[in-house]
Protein backbone atom coordinates (compact mmCIF):
# COMPACT_ATOMS: atom_id res chain seq x y z
CA MET A 1 15.39 -103.55 -69.89
CA THR A 2 17.50 -101.85 -67.72
CA LEU A 3 19.64 -98.98 -66.53
CA ILE A 4 22.12 -99.63 -63.93
CA VAL A 5 24.57 -97.07 -62.16
CA THR A 6 27.43 -97.22 -60.04
CA TYR A 7 28.70 -93.96 -58.36
CA ILE A 8 31.82 -93.47 -56.90
CA ASN A 9 33.04 -90.30 -54.96
CA LYS A 10 34.79 -89.50 -51.55
CA TYR A 11 31.88 -90.45 -49.58
CA GLY A 12 31.62 -94.03 -50.79
CA ILE A 13 29.56 -95.95 -53.64
CA VAL A 14 26.03 -95.79 -54.83
CA HIS A 15 24.62 -98.60 -56.76
CA ALA A 16 21.51 -97.96 -58.27
CA SER A 17 19.23 -99.37 -60.87
CA ASP A 18 15.45 -99.26 -62.26
CA SER A 19 13.08 -102.32 -61.47
CA ASN A 20 10.95 -102.78 -64.74
CA LEU A 21 11.52 -106.10 -66.64
CA SER A 22 10.53 -106.42 -70.22
CA TYR A 23 9.89 -109.44 -72.69
CA SER A 24 12.01 -109.68 -75.75
CA ASN A 25 9.05 -107.82 -77.92
CA GLY A 26 9.45 -104.79 -75.32
CA LEU A 27 6.19 -105.43 -73.57
CA HIS A 28 6.35 -104.83 -69.75
CA ALA A 29 6.97 -107.94 -67.38
CA GLY A 30 6.80 -106.67 -64.08
CA GLU A 31 9.01 -105.50 -61.71
CA SER A 32 12.11 -107.35 -59.65
CA GLN A 33 15.09 -106.79 -57.58
CA LYS A 34 18.34 -105.61 -59.68
CA THR A 35 20.25 -104.40 -57.05
CA PHE A 36 21.87 -106.59 -54.55
CA PRO A 37 23.78 -106.08 -51.35
CA ILE A 38 26.89 -108.28 -50.70
CA PRO A 39 27.35 -107.33 -47.18
CA HIS A 40 30.27 -109.57 -46.22
CA LEU A 41 32.41 -107.88 -48.66
CA GLU A 42 31.41 -104.42 -48.05
CA SER A 43 30.24 -104.40 -51.60
CA GLY A 44 26.92 -104.74 -53.81
CA LEU A 45 26.02 -105.46 -57.38
CA THR A 46 23.66 -104.44 -60.14
CA VAL A 47 22.62 -106.63 -62.92
CA ALA A 48 21.48 -105.48 -66.84
CA GLY A 49 20.35 -107.93 -69.53
CA SER A 50 19.41 -111.57 -69.43
CA TYR A 51 17.25 -111.96 -66.17
CA GLN A 52 17.44 -115.71 -65.99
CA VAL A 53 20.15 -118.31 -65.44
CA GLY A 54 19.39 -121.81 -66.18
CA GLY A 55 15.63 -121.22 -66.25
CA ASN A 56 16.03 -119.69 -62.62
CA PRO A 57 15.17 -115.99 -62.08
CA MET A 58 18.00 -113.90 -61.66
CA ASN A 59 16.95 -112.29 -58.37
CA ARG A 60 16.62 -115.96 -56.64
CA TRP A 61 19.94 -117.09 -58.51
CA LEU A 62 22.03 -114.00 -57.34
CA ASN A 63 20.66 -113.76 -53.78
CA SER A 64 21.55 -117.53 -53.53
CA PHE A 65 25.45 -117.14 -55.07
CA ILE A 66 26.00 -114.15 -52.59
CA ASP A 67 24.49 -116.10 -49.39
CA HIS A 68 26.70 -119.25 -50.66
CA ASP A 69 30.04 -116.72 -51.23
CA MET A 70 29.41 -115.54 -47.69
CA LYS A 71 29.16 -119.13 -46.23
CA SER A 72 32.27 -120.08 -48.07
CA GLY A 73 34.43 -117.59 -46.00
CA ASN A 74 35.62 -115.50 -49.30
CA LYS A 75 36.96 -112.19 -48.35
CA SER A 76 38.24 -111.09 -51.92
CA LEU A 77 36.00 -108.95 -54.00
CA GLU A 78 38.14 -110.27 -57.33
CA LEU A 79 37.44 -114.08 -56.32
CA PHE A 80 34.05 -113.09 -55.83
CA SER A 81 33.89 -111.62 -59.29
CA GLU A 82 35.70 -114.66 -60.94
CA LYS A 83 33.40 -117.19 -59.08
CA LEU A 84 30.47 -115.12 -60.44
CA ARG A 85 31.73 -114.89 -63.85
CA VAL A 86 32.48 -118.78 -64.04
CA LYS A 87 29.12 -119.81 -62.73
CA LEU A 88 27.29 -117.39 -65.20
CA GLU A 89 29.10 -118.85 -67.85
CA MET A 90 28.31 -122.68 -66.80
CA GLU A 91 24.95 -122.43 -65.87
CA MET A 92 23.28 -119.55 -68.25
CA ASN A 93 21.90 -121.78 -71.32
CA GLY A 94 22.60 -120.53 -74.93
CA GLY A 95 19.12 -118.70 -75.21
CA GLU A 96 19.68 -116.85 -71.88
CA LYS A 97 23.36 -115.81 -73.11
CA LYS A 98 22.04 -114.61 -76.22
CA SER A 99 20.41 -111.61 -74.45
CA GLY A 100 23.63 -110.58 -73.02
CA CYS A 101 24.25 -110.25 -69.38
CA MET A 102 26.17 -107.32 -67.60
CA ILE A 103 26.81 -107.25 -63.73
CA HIS A 104 28.29 -104.33 -61.90
CA VAL A 105 30.52 -105.49 -58.78
CA ALA A 106 31.70 -102.58 -56.69
CA GLY A 107 32.80 -102.03 -53.14
CA PHE A 108 35.90 -101.55 -50.90
CA ALA A 109 38.72 -103.71 -50.92
CA PRO A 110 41.61 -103.81 -48.33
CA GLY A 111 44.84 -101.92 -49.65
CA ASN A 112 48.29 -100.35 -47.90
CA ASN A 113 46.73 -99.77 -44.45
CA VAL A 114 43.60 -98.31 -46.20
CA LYS A 115 40.23 -99.68 -48.17
CA HIS A 116 39.84 -98.39 -51.67
CA PRO A 117 37.04 -98.83 -53.97
CA GLU A 118 37.13 -101.43 -56.70
CA PHE A 119 34.65 -101.66 -59.73
CA TRP A 120 34.49 -105.16 -61.47
CA PHE A 121 32.66 -105.57 -64.74
CA ILE A 122 31.48 -108.84 -65.62
CA ARG A 123 29.82 -109.47 -69.25
CA ASN A 124 29.20 -111.36 -72.04
CA ILE A 125 29.24 -108.66 -74.30
CA TYR A 126 32.27 -107.45 -75.98
CA GLY A 127 31.34 -104.68 -78.10
CA ILE A 128 29.24 -101.21 -78.65
CA ASP A 129 28.55 -100.00 -82.11
CA GLN A 130 30.00 -96.40 -82.31
CA LYS A 131 27.15 -94.93 -84.13
CA SER A 132 24.15 -96.51 -82.60
CA GLY A 133 25.20 -97.24 -79.03
CA GLU A 134 23.85 -100.70 -79.28
CA TYR A 135 25.64 -103.67 -77.68
CA GLN A 136 27.22 -106.20 -79.67
CA GLU A 137 29.51 -109.15 -79.87
CA VAL A 138 27.48 -111.08 -77.33
CA ARG A 139 29.22 -114.39 -76.84
CA ASN A 140 28.92 -117.70 -74.75
CA GLN A 141 32.08 -116.66 -72.86
CA PHE A 142 31.97 -114.00 -70.02
CA VAL A 143 34.87 -111.88 -69.33
CA LYS A 144 35.68 -109.59 -66.20
CA SER A 145 37.65 -106.57 -65.59
CA GLU A 146 38.32 -104.24 -62.83
CA ASP A 147 38.03 -100.58 -64.19
CA PHE A 148 38.61 -98.19 -61.54
CA TRP A 149 41.48 -99.18 -59.17
CA VAL A 150 43.60 -101.70 -61.37
CA ARG A 151 42.83 -99.38 -64.26
CA ASN A 152 43.64 -95.81 -62.90
CA SER A 153 45.99 -96.17 -60.09
CA LYS A 154 49.28 -96.24 -61.61
CA ASP A 155 48.79 -93.00 -63.26
CA LEU A 156 46.53 -91.16 -60.52
CA ASP A 157 46.45 -90.98 -56.98
CA LEU A 158 42.96 -92.18 -56.74
CA LEU A 159 42.12 -91.75 -52.92
CA ASN A 160 43.56 -88.22 -52.99
CA TRP A 161 41.50 -87.41 -56.38
CA LEU A 162 38.49 -88.77 -54.71
CA GLU A 163 39.24 -86.51 -51.77
CA GLY A 164 39.69 -83.59 -53.86
CA GLY A 165 36.14 -83.87 -55.52
CA GLY A 166 36.85 -86.49 -57.90
CA ILE A 167 33.85 -88.61 -59.36
CA GLN A 168 33.58 -91.83 -61.20
CA VAL A 169 30.34 -93.14 -62.96
CA TYR A 170 29.73 -95.96 -64.80
CA GLY A 171 26.78 -97.01 -66.38
CA ASN A 172 24.89 -99.88 -68.56
CA GLY A 173 21.49 -100.64 -69.85
CA PHE A 174 19.22 -100.13 -72.88
CA ALA A 175 21.18 -98.09 -75.49
CA SER A 176 18.97 -94.78 -75.53
CA GLY A 177 18.38 -95.02 -71.58
CA ARG A 178 22.03 -95.23 -71.16
CA ILE A 179 22.92 -92.52 -73.68
CA GLY A 180 20.43 -90.31 -72.36
CA PHE A 181 21.66 -90.85 -68.67
CA PHE A 182 25.13 -90.00 -69.72
CA SER A 183 23.89 -87.02 -71.89
CA LEU A 184 22.08 -85.35 -68.83
CA LEU A 185 25.13 -85.84 -66.37
CA PRO A 186 27.06 -82.76 -67.68
CA HIS A 187 23.56 -80.68 -68.08
CA PHE A 188 22.99 -81.48 -64.42
CA ASN A 189 26.44 -80.78 -63.28
CA GLU A 190 26.06 -77.34 -64.98
CA TYR A 191 22.72 -76.85 -63.36
CA PHE A 192 24.02 -77.65 -59.70
CA GLN A 193 27.14 -75.58 -60.21
CA THR A 194 25.04 -72.52 -60.82
CA PHE A 195 23.20 -72.70 -57.66
CA TRP A 196 26.13 -74.28 -55.35
CA SER A 197 28.24 -71.18 -56.25
CA ASN A 198 26.11 -68.48 -55.56
CA PRO A 199 27.34 -66.96 -52.18
CA ASN A 200 23.79 -65.50 -51.20
CA TRP A 201 21.90 -68.97 -51.47
CA LYS A 202 22.64 -71.95 -48.93
CA PHE A 203 22.72 -74.69 -51.40
CA ARG A 204 25.90 -76.91 -51.56
CA PRO A 205 27.01 -80.01 -53.04
CA PRO A 206 26.37 -83.22 -51.07
CA THR A 207 28.30 -83.89 -47.96
CA SER A 208 27.47 -87.59 -47.46
CA ILE A 209 26.41 -90.81 -49.19
CA LYS A 210 22.91 -90.47 -48.42
CA GLU A 211 22.87 -87.11 -49.76
CA THR A 212 24.88 -88.15 -52.97
CA GLU A 213 21.95 -90.79 -53.33
CA HIS A 214 19.55 -88.03 -54.01
CA ILE A 215 21.68 -86.82 -56.89
CA VAL A 216 22.00 -90.56 -58.50
CA LYS A 217 18.14 -91.05 -58.17
CA LEU A 218 17.29 -87.60 -59.65
CA TYR A 219 19.22 -88.71 -62.85
CA ILE A 220 17.61 -92.13 -63.18
CA GLN A 221 14.39 -90.26 -62.55
CA MET A 222 14.88 -88.00 -65.52
CA VAL A 223 15.60 -91.21 -67.56
CA LYS A 224 12.32 -93.00 -66.33
CA THR A 225 10.71 -89.76 -67.27
CA LEU A 226 11.88 -89.77 -70.92
CA PHE A 227 10.43 -93.33 -71.39
CA LEU A 228 7.12 -92.43 -69.77
CA VAL A 229 6.77 -89.85 -72.46
CA SER A 230 7.91 -91.71 -75.48
CA ASP A 231 6.49 -94.33 -78.28
CA TYR A 232 8.16 -97.48 -76.90
CA PRO A 233 5.77 -100.27 -76.17
CA SER A 234 6.19 -99.85 -72.70
CA PRO A 235 8.45 -98.04 -69.99
CA LEU A 236 11.84 -100.05 -70.94
CA ILE A 237 13.69 -98.41 -68.13
CA GLY A 238 11.06 -97.57 -65.05
CA GLY A 239 9.48 -98.68 -61.80
CA GLU A 240 10.80 -97.92 -58.56
CA ILE A 241 14.32 -96.82 -58.13
CA GLN A 242 16.55 -99.44 -56.19
CA THR A 243 19.78 -98.22 -54.68
CA TYR A 244 22.27 -99.53 -52.19
CA LEU A 245 24.93 -97.46 -50.26
CA ILE A 246 28.26 -98.29 -49.37
CA PRO A 247 29.71 -95.53 -47.01
CA ARG A 248 33.51 -95.02 -46.48
CA ALA A 249 34.79 -97.01 -43.39
CA ASN A 250 35.02 -93.73 -41.52
CA ASN A 251 31.53 -92.99 -42.16
CA ARG A 252 29.15 -93.96 -39.31
CA LEU A 253 25.98 -94.52 -41.92
CA GLN A 254 25.25 -98.29 -42.40
CA PRO A 255 24.74 -99.79 -45.96
CA THR A 256 21.24 -99.41 -46.73
CA LEU A 257 19.25 -101.08 -49.82
CA THR A 258 16.21 -98.93 -50.67
CA ARG A 259 13.15 -99.04 -53.05
CA ARG A 260 11.14 -96.10 -53.74
């Protein structure tokens, strides 16, 4: 099982995931890569759900796909996402598709004289049960959508919104973990504001993508702890926290992939 997170603020983009893999019965199946750099597109991706494509492990398959896209000379994040959607639909077998597959692809794309964040969501899961939060409507066909820039830029000056402190967070994965993650966010934000707003203390909000990473990892660590103290057959969300940081172009920090 999985928790994948994409966190966008004025300092850049943090991709994050847990590492644990599970069998269909919920038992632990080891750890593997779920967060992947796409350096030639100033982007990255995370994957949740089925961890095989045509019998090949997802980590090997995705790294090969990314390498082939780089060698093709592709410069478009949208084209990358479309090629990935088509490839998954063609090469995943029926049993693999039944488990459902979701991929976050996010990075910086060229715009009017300035690069802007884009978030592409590729999946063969078409719905969520509003009562349980479980995914439903798993199909053989994959679909993609851009859920940040295309969806919001017509109604909101997104770059200025980010500059003013706006934050956008996307999360997917095992229902109780995903719901737990989003339930934690407002409580943590309130907790942090209590300390950041005290003039007698020197605590402050993050001022870089690297400092933002610490906050995102803390959120995922809390969800990991919930699963360590639970009656699930194994920690369905857990293992090392993987992150990939994509700073804004004016930030000197280079993209980094970490596992801790």
